[in-house]
């Protein structure tokens, strides 16, 4: 599957504009992480783009989220590593991510939300004006963007051997590169 095909498949299954933007953001972060680790950037980006492919079908039944998505991707013939990463990114299942791709998806999913939230409180509401330090400051505020699970984000140290600061810098830069697509 190409990136274009992945985006089309995403838009066939997801109608909510913010969820599409979230998927684009996670895709961009995954691409940047693949480049950092010498992995296949397109494959990793497709994983990020499609990680929430089942969200609108499962939003009222979170226990099914990612399981149905993984099955959808398997039926589409996507690589087993992508299928496994999508399946394990939902912490509700308690399935530990095994591959580097799965670990990256697991930790970058909530970080993308924290970055968006930190952008939206800026006067300009522009990603280009956000710094890694802004994100790190917001990271410390437990009441800010509560949905962005800090414990999962911090696993970047164990899962990816990246400091929190380096992980935030990589993710922010990746999202800034597609800021127009994200509308931020």
C-alpha atoms as a PDB file:
ATOM      1  CA  UNK A   1       0.000   0.000   0.000  1.00  0.00           C
ATOM      2  CA  UNK A   2       1.315   3.438  -0.904  1.00  0.00           C
ATOM      3  CA  UNK A   3       0.910   6.538   1.252  1.00  0.00           C
ATOM      4  CA  UNK A   4      -1.741   7.836  -1.150  1.00  0.00           C
ATOM      5  CA  UNK A   5      -3.660   4.548  -0.924  1.00  0.00           C
ATOM      6  CA  UNK A   6      -3.359   4.646   2.869  1.00  0.00           C
ATOM      7  CA  UNK A   7      -4.780   8.175   3.003  1.00  0.00           C
ATOM      8  CA  UNK A   8      -7.662   7.148   0.738  1.00  0.00           C
ATOM      9  CA  UNK A   9      -8.357   4.095   2.930  1.00  0.00           C
ATOM     10  CA  UNK A  10      -8.210   6.327   6.005  1.00  0.00           C
ATOM     11  CA  UNK A  11     -10.729   8.776   4.526  1.00  0.00           C
ATOM     12  CA  UNK A  12     -13.050   5.911   3.522  1.00  0.00           C
ATOM     13  CA  UNK A  13     -13.198   4.834   7.170  1.00  0.00           C
ATOM     14  CA  UNK A  14     -12.767   8.072   9.134  1.00  0.00           C
ATOM     15  CA  UNK A  15     -14.986  11.113   8.607  1.00  0.00           C
ATOM     16  CA  UNK A  16     -13.969  13.264  11.587  1.00  0.00           C
ATOM     17  CA  UNK A  17     -11.517  15.948  10.367  1.00  0.00           C
ATOM     18  CA  UNK A  18      -9.613  16.099  13.679  1.00  0.00           C
ATOM     19  CA  UNK A  19      -9.152  12.331  13.678  1.00  0.00           C
ATOM     20  CA  UNK A  20      -7.783  12.485  10.136  1.00  0.00           C
ATOM     21  CA  UNK A  21      -5.388  15.241  11.260  1.00  0.00           C
ATOM     22  CA  UNK A  22      -4.367  13.137  14.270  1.00  0.00           C
ATOM     23  CA  UNK A  23      -3.600  10.248  11.921  1.00  0.00           C
ATOM     24  CA  UNK A  24      -1.532  12.528   9.670  1.00  0.00           C
ATOM     25  CA  UNK A  25       0.406  13.775  12.715  1.00  0.00           C
ATOM     26  CA  UNK A  26       1.131  10.266  13.988  1.00  0.00           C
ATOM     27  CA  UNK A  27       2.147   9.264  10.455  1.00  0.00           C
ATOM     28  CA  UNK A  28       4.606  12.159  10.272  1.00  0.00           C
ATOM     29  CA  UNK A  29       6.124  11.311  13.658  1.00  0.00           C
ATOM     30  CA  UNK A  30       6.435   7.651  12.698  1.00  0.00           C
ATOM     31  CA  UNK A  31       8.191   8.623   9.447  1.00  0.00           C
ATOM     32  CA  UNK A  32      10.667  10.785  11.391  1.00  0.00           C
ATOM     33  CA  UNK A  33      11.334   7.975  13.868  1.00  0.00           C
ATOM     34  CA  UNK A  34      11.890   5.485  11.026  1.00  0.00           C
ATOM     35  CA  UNK A  35      14.458   7.856   9.527  1.00  0.00           C
ATOM     36  CA  UNK A  36      16.134   8.190  12.921  1.00  0.00           C
ATOM     37  CA  UNK A  37      16.379   4.412  13.312  1.00  0.00           C
ATOM     38  CA  UNK A  38      17.250   3.570   9.704  1.00  0.00           C
ATOM     39  CA  UNK A  39      13.920   1.846   9.057  1.00  0.00           C
ATOM     40  CA  UNK A  40      11.496   2.107   6.109  1.00  0.00           C
ATOM     41  CA  UNK A  41       9.954   5.608   6.418  1.00  0.00           C
ATOM     42  CA  UNK A  42       6.982   4.915   4.125  1.00  0.00           C
ATOM     43  CA  UNK A  43       6.063   1.694   5.934  1.00  0.00           C
ATOM     44  CA  UNK A  44       6.259   3.400   9.326  1.00  0.00           C
ATOM     45  CA  UNK A  45       4.277   6.406   8.083  1.00  0.00           C
ATOM     46  CA  UNK A  46       1.529   4.123   6.760  1.00  0.00           C
ATOM     47  CA  UNK A  47       1.406   2.459  10.180  1.00  0.00           C
ATOM     48  CA  UNK A  48       0.882   5.853  11.819  1.00  0.00           C
ATOM     49  CA  UNK A  49      -1.676   6.945   9.229  1.00  0.00           C
ATOM     50  CA  UNK A  50      -3.793   3.826   9.738  1.00  0.00           C
ATOM     51  CA  UNK A  51      -3.376   3.213  13.470  1.00  0.00           C
ATOM     52  CA  UNK A  52      -6.895   4.484  14.307  1.00  0.00           C
ATOM     53  CA  UNK A  53      -8.597   3.152  11.157  1.00  0.00           C
ATOM     54  CA  UNK A  54     -11.363   1.544  13.239  1.00  0.00           C
ATOM     55  CA  UNK A  55     -11.911   4.414  15.686  1.00  0.00           C
ATOM     56  CA  UNK A  56     -15.290   5.563  14.375  1.00  0.00           C
ATOM     57  CA  UNK A  57     -16.515   1.952  14.388  1.00  0.00           C
ATOM     58  CA  UNK A  58     -15.248   1.292  17.938  1.00  0.00           C
ATOM     59  CA  UNK A  59     -15.556   4.662  19.724  1.00  0.00           C
ATOM     60  CA  UNK A  60     -18.459   3.343  21.825  1.00  0.00           C
ATOM     61  CA  UNK A  61     -16.627   0.100  22.575  1.00  0.00           C
ATOM     62  CA  UNK A  62     -12.996   0.959  23.422  1.00  0.00           C
ATOM     63  CA  UNK A  63     -12.212  -2.685  24.197  1.00  0.00           C
ATOM     64  CA  UNK A  64     -12.574  -3.405  20.462  1.00  0.00           C
ATOM     65  CA  UNK A  65     -10.447  -0.448  19.310  1.00  0.00           C
ATOM     66  CA  UNK A  66      -7.289  -1.520  17.515  1.00  0.00           C
ATOM     67  CA  UNK A  67      -8.357  -5.178  17.389  1.00  0.00           C
ATOM     68  CA  UNK A  68     -10.847  -4.464  14.613  1.00  0.00           C
ATOM     69  CA  UNK A  69      -8.368  -2.068  13.001  1.00  0.00           C
ATOM     70  CA  UNK A  70      -5.646  -4.709  12.975  1.00  0.00           C
ATOM     71  CA  UNK A  71      -8.067  -7.166  11.377  1.00  0.00           C
ATOM     72  CA  UNK A  72      -9.039  -4.588   8.729  1.00  0.00           C
ATOM     73  CA  UNK A  73      -5.372  -4.020   7.873  1.00  0.00           C
ATOM     74  CA  UNK A  74      -4.640  -7.738   7.803  1.00  0.00           C
ATOM     75  CA  UNK A  75      -7.536  -8.245   5.389  1.00  0.00           C
ATOM     76  CA  UNK A  76      -6.083  -5.465   3.207  1.00  0.00           C
ATOM     77  CA  UNK A  77      -2.825  -7.426   3.063  1.00  0.00           C
ATOM     78  CA  UNK A  78      -0.682  -5.020   5.050  1.00  0.00           C
ATOM     79  CA  UNK A  79       2.615  -6.144   6.494  1.00  0.00           C
ATOM     80  CA  UNK A  80       2.339  -8.206   9.695  1.00  0.00           C
ATOM     81  CA  UNK A  81       4.560  -5.726  11.554  1.00  0.00           C
ATOM     82  CA  UNK A  82       2.081  -2.899  10.842  1.00  0.00           C
ATOM     83  CA  UNK A  83      -0.844  -5.094  11.890  1.00  0.00           C
ATOM     84  CA  UNK A  84       0.905  -5.983  15.170  1.00  0.00           C
ATOM     85  CA  UNK A  85       1.769  -2.335  15.880  1.00  0.00           C
ATOM     86  CA  UNK A  86      -1.823  -1.214  15.322  1.00  0.00           C
ATOM     87  CA  UNK A  87      -3.152  -4.045  17.476  1.00  0.00           C
ATOM     88  CA  UNK A  88      -0.855  -3.269  20.421  1.00  0.00           C
ATOM     89  CA  UNK A  89      -1.094   0.545  20.412  1.00  0.00           C
ATOM     90  CA  UNK A  90      -4.282   0.500  22.504  1.00  0.00           C
ATOM     91  CA  UNK A  91      -3.032   0.148  26.078  1.00  0.00           C
ATOM     92  CA  UNK A  92      -6.478  -1.121  27.144  1.00  0.00           C
ATOM     93  CA  UNK A  93      -5.557  -4.574  25.819  1.00  0.00           C
ATOM     94  CA  UNK A  94      -2.443  -4.866  27.954  1.00  0.00           C
ATOM     95  CA  UNK A  95      -0.511  -6.337  25.015  1.00  0.00           C
ATOM     96  CA  UNK A  96       3.099  -5.229  25.209  1.00  0.00           C
ATOM     97  CA  UNK A  97       4.425  -3.887  21.915  1.00  0.00           C
ATOM     98  CA  UNK A  98       7.287  -6.059  20.666  1.00  0.00           C
ATOM     99  CA  UNK A  99       8.749  -4.592  17.490  1.00  0.00           C
ATOM    100  CA  UNK A 100      10.484  -1.231  17.344  1.00  0.00           C
ATOM    101  CA  UNK A 101       7.666  -0.009  15.083  1.00  0.00           C
ATOM    102  CA  UNK A 102       5.020  -1.072  17.608  1.00  0.00           C
ATOM    103  CA  UNK A 103       6.905   0.572  20.463  1.00  0.00           C
ATOM    104  CA  UNK A 104       7.253   3.799  18.465  1.00  0.00           C
ATOM    105  CA  UNK A 105       3.538   3.885  17.638  1.00  0.00           C
ATOM    106  CA  UNK A 106       2.627   3.188  21.260  1.00  0.00           C
ATOM    107  CA  UNK A 107       4.561   6.190  22.568  1.00  0.00           C
ATOM    108  CA  UNK A 108       4.026   8.689  19.754  1.00  0.00           C
ATOM    109  CA  UNK A 109       0.214   8.380  19.677  1.00  0.00           C
ATOM    110  CA  UNK A 110      -0.331  10.259  22.976  1.00  0.00           C
ATOM    111  CA  UNK A 111       2.563  12.669  22.326  1.00  0.00           C
ATOM    112  CA  UNK A 112       0.897  13.933  19.143  1.00  0.00           C
ATOM    113  CA  UNK A 113      -2.138  14.921  21.216  1.00  0.00           C
ATOM    114  CA  UNK A 114      -0.019  16.747  23.777  1.00  0.00           C
ATOM    115  CA  UNK A 115       1.708  18.698  21.000  1.00  0.00           C
ATOM    116  CA  UNK A 116      -1.637  19.713  19.481  1.00  0.00           C
ATOM    117  CA  UNK A 117      -2.969  20.800  22.879  1.00  0.00           C
ATOM    118  CA  UNK A 118       0.202  22.812  23.591  1.00  0.00           C
ATOM    119  CA  UNK A 119      -0.186  24.509  20.200  1.00  0.00           C
ATOM    120  CA  UNK A 120      -3.813  25.442  20.776  1.00  0.00           C
ATOM    121  CA  UNK A 121      -3.034  27.403  23.956  1.00  0.00           C
ATOM    122  CA  UNK A 122      -0.498  29.589  22.154  1.00  0.00           C
ATOM    123  CA  UNK A 123      -1.799  33.039  21.168  1.00  0.00           C
ATOM    124  CA  UNK A 124      -1.002  32.281  17.502  1.00  0.00           C
ATOM    125  CA  UNK A 125      -2.260  28.663  17.637  1.00  0.00           C
ATOM    126  CA  UNK A 126       0.590  27.846  15.199  1.00  0.00           C
ATOM    127  CA  UNK A 127       2.861  24.802  15.397  1.00  0.00           C
ATOM    128  CA  UNK A 128       5.731  26.898  14.037  1.00  0.00           C
ATOM    129  CA  UNK A 129       5.611  28.995  17.223  1.00  0.00           C
ATOM    130  CA  UNK A 130       5.735  25.986  19.554  1.00  0.00           C
ATOM    131  CA  UNK A 131       9.063  24.918  21.000  1.00  0.00           C
ATOM    132  CA  UNK A 132      10.106  21.607  22.481  1.00  0.00           C
ATOM    133  CA  UNK A 133      10.517  23.426  25.790  1.00  0.00           C
ATOM    134  CA  UNK A 134       6.865  24.580  25.636  1.00  0.00           C
ATOM    135  CA  UNK A 135       5.812  20.941  25.208  1.00  0.00           C
ATOM    136  CA  UNK A 136       8.089  19.764  28.025  1.00  0.00           C
ATOM    137  CA  UNK A 137       6.689  22.459  30.336  1.00  0.00           C
ATOM    138  CA  UNK A 138       3.138  21.345  29.516  1.00  0.00           C
ATOM    139  CA  UNK A 139       4.189  17.730  29.995  1.00  0.00           C
ATOM    140  CA  UNK A 140       4.834  18.522  33.671  1.00  0.00           C
ATOM    141  CA  UNK A 141       1.325  19.990  34.141  1.00  0.00           C
ATOM    142  CA  UNK A 142      -0.787  17.006  35.130  1.00  0.00           C
ATOM    143  CA  UNK A 143      -4.068  18.872  34.580  1.00  0.00           C
ATOM    144  CA  UNK A 144      -3.105  19.914  31.025  1.00  0.00           C
ATOM    145  CA  UNK A 145      -4.254  17.610  28.190  1.00  0.00           C
ATOM    146  CA  UNK A 146      -5.146  14.806  30.575  1.00  0.00           C
ATOM    147  CA  UNK A 147      -5.818  12.430  27.687  1.00  0.00           C
ATOM    148  CA  UNK A 148      -2.132  12.495  26.739  1.00  0.00           C
ATOM    149  CA  UNK A 149      -0.854   9.683  28.946  1.00  0.00           C
ATOM    150  CA  UNK A 150       2.515  10.851  30.287  1.00  0.00           C
ATOM    151  CA  UNK A 151       3.468   7.401  31.555  1.00  0.00           C
ATOM    152  CA  UNK A 152       3.171   6.021  28.036  1.00  0.00           C
ATOM    153  CA  UNK A 153       5.050   8.965  26.488  1.00  0.00           C
ATOM    154  CA  UNK A 154       7.896   8.491  29.011  1.00  0.00           C
ATOM    155  CA  UNK A 155       8.363   4.923  27.789  1.00  0.00           C
ATOM    156  CA  UNK A 156      10.288   6.500  24.879  1.00  0.00           C
ATOM    157  CA  UNK A 157      13.340   6.098  27.112  1.00  0.00           C
ATOM    158  CA  UNK A 158      12.967   2.330  27.475  1.00  0.00           C
ATOM    159  CA  UNK A 159      11.255   1.543  24.180  1.00  0.00           C
ATOM    160  CA  UNK A 160      13.233   3.792  21.840  1.00  0.00           C
ATOM    161  CA  UNK A 161      16.323   4.672  23.863  1.00  0.00           C
ATOM    162  CA  UNK A 162      15.473   8.348  23.387  1.00  0.00           C
ATOM    163  CA  UNK A 163      15.380  10.951  26.121  1.00  0.00           C
ATOM    164  CA  UNK A 164      12.030  12.666  26.561  1.00  0.00           C
ATOM    165  CA  UNK A 165      13.602  15.879  25.256  1.00  0.00           C
ATOM    166  CA  UNK A 166      14.918  14.225  22.100  1.00  0.00           C
ATOM    167  CA  UNK A 167      11.627  12.419  21.489  1.00  0.00           C
ATOM    168  CA  UNK A 168       9.640  15.654  21.823  1.00  0.00           C
ATOM    169  CA  UNK A 169      12.040  17.465  19.463  1.00  0.00           C
ATOM    170  CA  UNK A 170      11.715  14.752  16.786  1.00  0.00           C
ATOM    171  CA  UNK A 171       7.921  14.646  17.065  1.00  0.00           C
ATOM    172  CA  UNK A 172       7.485  18.415  17.080  1.00  0.00           C
ATOM    173  CA  UNK A 173       9.731  18.889  14.045  1.00  0.00           C
ATOM    174  CA  UNK A 174       7.831  16.171  12.163  1.00  0.00           C
ATOM    175  CA  UNK A 175       4.502  17.814  12.909  1.00  0.00           C
ATOM    176  CA  UNK A 176       5.822  21.277  12.046  1.00  0.00           C
ATOM    177  CA  UNK A 177       6.796  19.957   8.608  1.00  0.00           C
ATOM    178  CA  UNK A 178       3.124  19.170   7.891  1.00  0.00           C
ATOM    179  CA  UNK A 179       1.605  22.081   9.815  1.00  0.00           C
ATOM    180  CA  UNK A 180      -0.469  23.222   6.811  1.00  0.00           C
ATOM    181  CA  UNK A 181      -2.068  19.776   6.451  1.00  0.00           C
ATOM    182  CA  UNK A 182      -2.788  19.831  10.187  1.00  0.00           C
ATOM    183  CA  UNK A 183      -4.268  23.329  10.019  1.00  0.00           C
ATOM    184  CA  UNK A 184      -1.975  24.453  12.845  1.00  0.00           C
END
